[in-house]
Amino acid sequence: MTQEDLSEQSGVNAKYLSEIELGKTNPTISVLRKLSWALGLEIVDILPMTYDLEEEQAFIYSKIVALLRKFERPDLHKLHKVLELLIEERRS
């Protein structure tokens, strides 16, 4: 797929894609979402995992992502709410 093809399919300007590829700019989450959809990927598939994660944390992260991919959108919204509640409870 060319940059022009990706630009057409994602709605992201081809010049902006070139700047991202050359490391001249960083894409927003919104742009990453558009690009991942155009490529038929999940956004987590195009986000690099940070290298400072411990091996066990990276393993758990990948397992969670694999499980999340099995859910439909309505269930993902429910899980998101549950996670937010857990985080709020943890802060209390």
Protein backbone atom coordinates (compact mmCIF):
# COMPACT_ATOMS: atom_id res chain seq x y z
CA MET A 1 0.00 0.00 0.00
CA THR A 2 1.37 3.41 -0.95
CA GLN A 3 1.15 6.54 1.17
CA GLU A 4 -1.38 7.86 -1.33
CA ASP A 5 -3.51 4.73 -0.90
CA LEU A 6 -3.29 5.00 2.88
CA SER A 7 -4.12 8.68 2.68
CA GLU A 8 -7.24 7.97 0.64
CA GLN A 9 -8.42 5.11 2.82
CA SER A 10 -7.72 6.84 6.13
CA GLY A 11 -8.57 10.43 5.26
CA VAL A 12 -5.16 11.54 6.55
CA ASN A 13 -3.25 14.01 4.38
CA ALA A 14 -0.44 12.33 2.39
CA LYS A 15 2.06 15.07 3.30
CA TYR A 16 1.28 14.55 6.99
CA LEU A 17 1.82 10.78 6.54
CA SER A 18 5.22 11.52 5.02
CA GLU A 19 6.14 13.75 7.97
CA ILE A 20 5.14 10.97 10.37
CA GLU A 21 7.22 8.42 8.47
CA LEU A 22 10.24 10.73 8.46
CA GLY A 23 9.88 11.36 12.19
CA LYS A 24 9.23 15.07 11.68
CA THR A 25 5.94 14.93 13.57
CA ASN A 26 4.08 12.61 15.92
CA PRO A 27 0.55 11.51 15.06
CA THR A 28 -2.35 12.15 17.39
CA ILE A 29 -4.39 9.28 18.79
CA SER A 30 -7.15 10.26 16.37
CA VAL A 31 -4.80 9.91 13.41
CA LEU A 32 -3.47 6.59 14.73
CA ARG A 33 -7.06 5.35 15.00
CA LYS A 34 -7.78 6.36 11.38
CA LEU A 35 -4.60 4.69 10.17
CA SER A 36 -5.25 1.48 12.11
CA TRP A 37 -8.79 1.23 10.70
CA ALA A 38 -7.53 1.86 7.16
CA LEU A 39 -4.93 -0.88 7.62
CA GLY A 40 -7.43 -3.29 9.16
CA LEU A 41 -5.54 -3.33 12.46
CA GLU A 42 -6.30 -2.55 16.07
CA ILE A 43 -4.74 0.66 17.32
CA VAL A 44 -2.63 -1.33 19.80
CA ASP A 45 -1.06 -3.15 16.87
CA ILE A 46 0.55 0.05 15.61
CA LEU A 47 1.55 1.48 18.98
CA PRO A 48 5.00 0.43 20.11
CA MET A 49 5.22 -1.05 23.56
CA THR A 50 7.60 0.88 25.74
CA TYR A 51 10.89 -0.83 26.40
CA ASP A 52 10.89 -0.06 30.11
CA LEU A 53 8.17 -2.62 30.83
CA GLU A 54 9.25 -5.65 32.75
CA GLU A 55 8.97 -8.91 30.81
CA GLU A 56 6.07 -10.13 32.94
CA GLN A 57 4.19 -6.86 32.48
CA ALA A 58 4.66 -7.06 28.72
CA PHE A 59 3.36 -10.63 28.74
CA ILE A 60 0.29 -9.70 30.77
CA TYR A 61 -0.34 -6.68 28.54
CA SER A 62 -0.28 -8.83 25.39
CA LYS A 63 -2.63 -11.38 26.97
CA ILE A 64 -5.10 -8.65 27.97
CA VAL A 65 -5.04 -7.20 24.46
CA ALA A 66 -5.65 -10.65 22.97
CA LEU A 67 -8.66 -11.10 25.23
CA LEU A 68 -10.03 -7.64 24.44
CA ARG A 69 -9.99 -8.44 20.73
CA LYS A 70 -12.56 -11.17 21.35
CA PHE A 71 -15.18 -8.71 22.63
CA GLU A 72 -17.78 -6.83 20.62
CA ARG A 73 -18.00 -3.03 20.90
CA PRO A 74 -20.86 -2.95 23.50
CA ASP A 75 -18.95 -5.27 25.80
CA LEU A 76 -15.79 -3.21 25.34
CA HIS A 77 -17.68 -0.14 26.54
CA LYS A 78 -18.79 -2.08 29.64
CA LEU A 79 -15.24 -3.24 30.31
CA HIS A 80 -14.00 0.31 29.94
CA LYS A 81 -16.48 1.46 32.60
CA VAL A 82 -15.41 -1.37 34.91
CA LEU A 83 -11.75 -0.42 34.51
CA GLU A 84 -12.53 3.23 35.23
CA LEU A 85 -14.37 2.18 38.40
CA LEU A 86 -11.42 0.04 39.50
CA ILE A 87 -9.04 2.93 38.97
CA GLU A 88 -11.29 5.31 40.90
CA GLU A 89 -11.60 2.80 43.75
CA ARG A 90 -7.84 2.42 43.83
CA ARG A 91 -7.37 6.19 44.14
CA SER A 92 -9.71 6.32 47.15
